[in-house]
């Protein structure tokens, strides 16, 4: 059986950690089993998601961005990963642009490297039509009652390029994240599974958040989850843009002017180390 030697970079954005692989300057062909190995914190490198940097397949993009969860499955979007993506291509001298156009499975995103080292990502407009999320519902609503193991939970359902179910809780420290998270993730009304967000309101510009991510479990931070939570809070007239989102791994700033306007996410992107591994 042939082996493959891969160079990689370990990165993190507010504690959401990634193995980033340059698939432009090296040949990369990974199986789900190999991705699970790389993501394993005991036997591999360890990460929440693996990110592939590829040449674009469309004319109006600078790069293609592919995301694989720790379970080996490919997903549509990852906000913290998008910030690490632009930091990576800049640090690796794959581009000199401070703002790039990046192709994802759900369209083009526009991450921008700020002068202060933070990264802002135009995440596009949120989607609320149930079939776009996708979510099984007779009609679109601000909130939906979701039966979670016999308990009725009110959620906001939104797509930020990937599906999110956001609920309000009194205190994220005592919220039933580990109990309800996997049940919501695999709920029958979300045919492609879902990221489960637990949001605590602090004031109208400030929330605390925990997210049980689809295919990864609870992570220290979730960029699209932060966007989905803020969008849900603004739609419920409980939040006013901009909003500081405090997660266990750090803080993000989210801006949204409502309607079909894009959601803007600003936060850090940090290189932890570089390495080489044989698969």
Protein backbone atom coordinates (compact mmCIF):
# COMPACT_ATOMS: atom_id res chain seq x y z
CA UNK A 1 0.00 0.00 0.00
CA UNK A 2 1.47 3.37 -1.04
CA UNK A 3 2.03 6.11 1.52
CA UNK A 4 1.53 9.85 1.22
CA UNK A 5 3.60 12.51 2.98
CA UNK A 6 1.66 15.71 3.66
CA UNK A 7 2.71 19.09 4.97
CA UNK A 8 0.07 20.71 7.16
CA UNK A 9 -0.50 23.73 9.41
CA UNK A 10 -2.34 23.58 12.74
CA UNK A 11 -4.44 26.72 13.24
CA UNK A 12 -7.13 27.96 15.59
CA UNK A 13 -9.77 30.67 15.71
CA UNK A 14 -11.03 31.35 19.25
CA UNK A 15 -10.24 27.75 20.16
CA UNK A 16 -11.95 26.15 17.15
CA UNK A 17 -8.96 24.25 15.77
CA UNK A 18 -8.06 23.10 12.30
CA UNK A 19 -5.58 21.08 10.28
CA UNK A 20 -5.05 23.17 7.13
CA UNK A 21 -3.59 21.48 4.05
CA UNK A 22 -2.27 23.19 0.93
CA UNK A 23 -3.73 21.15 -1.95
CA UNK A 24 -2.37 23.59 -4.54
CA UNK A 25 1.35 22.92 -4.15
CA UNK A 26 1.04 19.25 -3.14
CA UNK A 27 -1.10 16.37 -4.37
CA UNK A 28 -3.79 15.56 -1.82
CA UNK A 29 -6.30 12.71 -1.92
CA UNK A 30 -7.78 11.87 1.47
CA UNK A 31 -10.25 9.17 2.43
CA UNK A 32 -12.75 9.68 5.26
CA UNK A 33 -10.69 7.21 7.32
CA UNK A 34 -7.54 9.30 6.83
CA UNK A 35 -9.41 12.48 7.78
CA UNK A 36 -10.67 10.83 10.96
CA UNK A 37 -7.09 9.79 11.74
CA UNK A 38 -5.74 13.31 11.23
CA UNK A 39 -8.52 14.74 13.44
CA UNK A 40 -7.90 12.21 16.23
CA UNK A 41 -6.34 13.98 19.24
CA UNK A 42 -4.65 10.80 20.51
CA UNK A 43 -3.37 9.08 17.36
CA UNK A 44 -3.31 11.88 14.78
CA UNK A 45 -2.78 15.65 14.79
CA UNK A 46 -6.08 16.60 16.41
CA UNK A 47 -8.67 19.09 15.16
CA UNK A 48 -12.34 19.98 14.98
CA UNK A 49 -12.20 20.30 11.19
CA UNK A 50 -9.75 19.68 8.35
CA UNK A 51 -9.52 22.46 5.74
CA UNK A 52 -8.32 21.98 2.17
CA UNK A 53 -6.95 24.92 0.18
CA UNK A 54 -7.53 24.24 -3.52
CA UNK A 55 -7.49 26.02 -6.86
CA UNK A 56 -10.93 27.42 -7.69
CA UNK A 57 -13.26 25.66 -10.10
CA UNK A 58 -15.02 28.93 -11.03
CA UNK A 59 -13.57 31.98 -12.79
CA UNK A 60 -14.56 34.63 -10.23
CA UNK A 61 -12.79 33.09 -7.18
CA UNK A 62 -9.20 33.16 -5.94
CA UNK A 63 -9.36 29.84 -4.07
CA UNK A 64 -11.62 26.90 -3.31
CA UNK A 65 -12.29 26.10 0.36
CA UNK A 66 -13.32 22.58 1.41
CA UNK A 67 -14.21 21.61 4.98
CA UNK A 68 -14.28 18.16 6.57
CA UNK A 69 -15.58 17.49 10.07
CA UNK A 70 -13.74 15.27 12.52
CA UNK A 71 -16.03 12.37 11.54
CA UNK A 72 -14.69 12.53 7.96
CA UNK A 73 -17.81 14.03 6.40
CA UNK A 74 -17.59 17.07 4.11
CA UNK A 75 -19.69 20.11 5.08
CA UNK A 76 -20.66 23.37 3.41
CA UNK A 77 -19.30 26.13 5.60
CA UNK A 78 -17.16 27.00 8.64
CA UNK A 79 -16.77 30.61 9.77
CA UNK A 80 -13.77 30.25 12.07
CA UNK A 81 -12.13 28.14 9.39
CA UNK A 82 -12.73 30.88 6.82
CA UNK A 83 -10.74 33.32 8.96
CA UNK A 84 -7.89 30.81 9.29
CA UNK A 85 -8.11 30.20 5.54
CA UNK A 86 -7.31 33.82 4.62
CA UNK A 87 -4.53 33.98 7.23
CA UNK A 88 -3.06 30.74 5.82
CA UNK A 89 -3.01 31.76 2.15
CA UNK A 90 -1.50 35.11 3.10
CA UNK A 91 1.18 33.63 5.39
CA UNK A 92 2.00 30.95 2.81
CA UNK A 93 2.39 33.65 0.13
CA UNK A 94 -0.29 32.09 -2.03
CA UNK A 95 -1.73 35.62 -2.39
CA UNK A 96 -0.82 39.22 -1.60
CA UNK A 97 -4.47 40.35 -1.51
CA UNK A 98 -5.93 41.41 1.83
CA UNK A 99 -9.46 40.53 0.63
CA UNK A 100 -10.00 37.36 -1.37
CA UNK A 101 -12.92 35.65 -3.05
CA UNK A 102 -13.28 32.07 -1.84
CA UNK A 103 -15.42 29.38 -3.44
CA UNK A 104 -17.35 27.17 -0.99
CA UNK A 105 -19.99 24.49 -1.43
CA UNK A 106 -22.63 27.18 -0.70
CA UNK A 107 -21.25 30.00 -2.85
CA UNK A 108 -18.61 32.74 -2.65
CA UNK A 109 -17.43 34.23 0.67
CA UNK A 110 -15.21 37.29 1.10
CA UNK A 111 -12.71 37.06 3.97
CA UNK A 112 -10.54 40.14 4.60
CA UNK A 113 -7.30 40.40 6.57
CA UNK A 114 -7.47 43.60 8.64
CA UNK A 115 -4.50 45.85 9.41
CA UNK A 116 -4.66 44.86 13.10
CA UNK A 117 -4.31 41.14 12.26
CA UNK A 118 -7.98 40.33 12.86
CA UNK A 119 -9.97 38.80 10.01
CA UNK A 120 -13.43 39.86 8.84
CA UNK A 121 -15.51 37.47 6.77
CA UNK A 122 -18.54 38.41 4.70
CA UNK A 123 -20.57 35.27 5.38
CA UNK A 124 -23.35 36.16 2.97
CA UNK A 125 -27.01 36.63 3.79
CA UNK A 126 -28.75 34.24 6.20
CA UNK A 127 -31.45 31.99 4.83
CA UNK A 128 -34.73 31.32 6.61
CA UNK A 129 -36.91 29.45 4.09
CA UNK A 130 -37.22 25.93 5.59
CA UNK A 131 -36.31 24.13 2.35
CA UNK A 132 -33.11 26.21 2.10
CA UNK A 133 -31.87 25.21 5.56
CA UNK A 134 -33.08 22.37 5.11
CA UNK A 135 -35.73 21.96 7.83
CA UNK A 136 -39.11 20.27 7.75
CA UNK A 137 -41.79 22.87 8.46
CA UNK A 138 -45.18 23.69 6.94
CA UNK A 139 -44.29 27.38 6.64
CA UNK A 140 -41.58 29.87 7.59
CA UNK A 141 -41.70 31.29 11.12
CA UNK A 142 -39.49 33.19 13.56
CA UNK A 143 -39.37 30.20 15.90
CA UNK A 144 -40.45 26.58 15.80
CA UNK A 145 -41.42 24.12 18.52
CA UNK A 146 -39.08 21.14 18.29
CA UNK A 147 -39.87 17.92 20.14
CA UNK A 148 -36.59 16.83 21.74
CA UNK A 149 -37.05 13.50 23.50
CA UNK A 150 -40.47 14.54 24.80
CA UNK A 151 -39.50 18.12 25.65
CA UNK A 152 -40.75 21.02 23.51
CA UNK A 153 -37.88 23.35 22.66
CA UNK A 154 -38.39 26.67 20.82
CA UNK A 155 -35.69 27.18 18.20
CA UNK A 156 -34.78 29.63 15.50
CA UNK A 157 -33.82 27.77 12.31
CA UNK A 158 -31.35 29.48 9.98
CA UNK A 159 -28.78 28.61 7.35
CA UNK A 160 -25.43 30.40 7.30
CA UNK A 161 -24.35 28.16 4.44
CA UNK A 162 -24.87 25.30 6.92
CA UNK A 163 -27.92 24.54 9.09
CA UNK A 164 -28.36 25.89 12.63
CA UNK A 165 -30.98 25.46 15.37
CA UNK A 166 -30.64 28.19 18.02
CA UNK A 167 -32.40 28.21 21.37
CA UNK A 168 -32.41 30.75 24.20
CA UNK A 169 -31.19 29.52 27.60
CA UNK A 170 -30.93 31.23 30.98
CA UNK A 171 -27.32 30.20 31.55
CA UNK A 172 -24.99 28.48 29.06
CA UNK A 173 -22.99 26.98 31.93
CA UNK A 174 -25.96 24.86 32.99
CA UNK A 175 -27.61 24.45 29.57
CA UNK A 176 -28.26 20.82 28.46
CA UNK A 177 -25.70 20.97 25.64
CA UNK A 178 -24.35 17.44 26.01
CA UNK A 179 -27.82 15.96 26.53
CA UNK A 180 -29.86 17.83 23.90
CA UNK A 181 -27.04 18.61 21.45
CA UNK A 182 -26.80 15.17 19.80
CA UNK A 183 -30.59 14.75 19.83
CA UNK A 184 -31.07 18.06 18.00
CA UNK A 185 -28.16 17.34 15.64
CA UNK A 186 -29.82 14.11 14.46
CA UNK A 187 -33.44 15.33 14.68
CA UNK A 188 -35.65 13.96 11.92
CA UNK A 189 -36.79 17.47 10.93
CA UNK A 190 -33.23 18.31 9.86
CA UNK A 191 -32.54 15.88 6.99
CA UNK A 192 -28.88 16.94 6.70
CA UNK A 193 -28.43 17.12 10.48
CA UNK A 194 -27.88 20.47 12.21
CA UNK A 195 -25.62 22.50 14.49
CA UNK A 196 -27.32 23.08 17.85
CA UNK A 197 -26.75 26.49 19.44
CA UNK A 198 -27.46 27.45 23.06
CA UNK A 199 -27.58 31.25 23.47
CA UNK A 200 -27.63 33.29 26.70
CA UNK A 201 -28.58 36.96 26.43
CA UNK A 202 -26.33 39.27 28.50
CA UNK A 203 -27.54 42.59 27.05
CA UNK A 204 -28.65 43.77 23.59
CA UNK A 205 -25.06 43.88 22.32
CA UNK A 206 -23.64 40.88 24.16
CA UNK A 207 -24.37 37.13 24.30
CA UNK A 208 -22.73 33.97 25.57
CA UNK A 209 -22.90 30.89 23.34
CA UNK A 210 -22.20 27.18 23.24
CA UNK A 211 -22.58 25.10 20.07
CA UNK A 212 -22.85 21.35 19.59
CA UNK A 213 -21.51 21.05 16.05
CA UNK A 214 -22.73 18.61 13.45
CA UNK A 215 -20.13 15.88 13.06
CA UNK A 216 -17.75 17.30 15.69
CA UNK A 217 -19.64 17.57 18.98
CA UNK A 218 -19.28 20.61 21.23
CA UNK A 219 -16.39 22.85 20.20
CA UNK A 220 -14.77 25.80 21.96
CA UNK A 221 -16.18 28.13 19.31
CA UNK A 222 -18.29 28.09 16.14
CA UNK A 223 -18.19 31.03 13.74
CA UNK A 224 -21.32 30.21 11.74
CA UNK A 225 -23.01 29.34 15.04
CA UNK A 226 -22.17 32.81 16.35
CA UNK A 227 -23.62 34.35 13.18
CA UNK A 228 -26.79 32.23 13.40
CA UNK A 229 -27.29 33.09 17.08
CA UNK A 230 -26.94 36.83 16.51
CA UNK A 231 -29.24 36.74 13.48
CA UNK A 232 -31.84 34.84 15.52
CA UNK A 233 -31.57 37.32 18.42
CA UNK A 234 -31.91 40.34 16.12
CA UNK A 235 -34.97 38.83 14.41
CA UNK A 236 -36.55 38.32 17.84
CA UNK A 237 -35.83 41.99 18.73
CA UNK A 238 -33.58 40.90 21.58
CA UNK A 239 -30.24 42.01 20.07
CA UNK A 240 -28.92 45.08 18.24
CA UNK A 241 -25.94 44.97 15.85
CA UNK A 242 -22.99 44.84 16.46
CA UNK A 243 -22.98 41.97 18.95
CA UNK A 244 -20.07 40.53 20.92
CA UNK A 245 -20.34 36.75 21.12
CA UNK A 246 -18.45 35.17 24.02
CA UNK A 247 -17.66 31.47 23.63
CA UNK A 248 -15.41 29.20 25.65
CA UNK A 249 -12.53 29.78 23.24
CA UNK A 250 -12.83 33.56 22.97
CA UNK A 251 -14.86 36.38 21.43
CA UNK A 252 -16.20 37.25 17.97
CA UNK A 253 -17.91 40.43 16.77
CA UNK A 254 -20.94 39.90 14.54
CA UNK A 255 -22.66 42.59 12.47
CA UNK A 256 -25.94 42.25 10.57
CA UNK A 257 -28.21 45.01 9.26
CA UNK A 258 -31.16 42.67 8.78
CA UNK A 259 -33.04 41.43 5.74
CA UNK A 260 -30.93 40.26 2.81
CA UNK A 261 -27.80 42.06 4.05
CA UNK A 262 -24.70 39.92 4.62
CA UNK A 263 -23.52 38.87 8.06
CA UNK A 264 -20.02 40.15 8.91
CA UNK A 265 -17.89 38.22 11.39
CA UNK A 266 -14.65 39.58 12.85
CA UNK A 267 -12.18 37.69 15.02
CA UNK A 268 -8.67 36.24 15.30
CA UNK A 269 -6.93 33.54 13.26
CA UNK A 270 -3.76 32.05 14.71
CA UNK A 271 -1.13 29.60 13.44
CA UNK A 272 -0.19 27.13 16.18
CA UNK A 273 2.47 25.04 14.43
CA UNK A 274 3.47 23.47 11.12
CA UNK A 275 4.30 19.84 10.52
CA UNK A 276 4.57 16.90 8.16
CA UNK A 277 2.84 13.55 8.49
CA UNK A 278 2.94 10.29 6.58
CA UNK A 279 -0.39 8.60 5.82
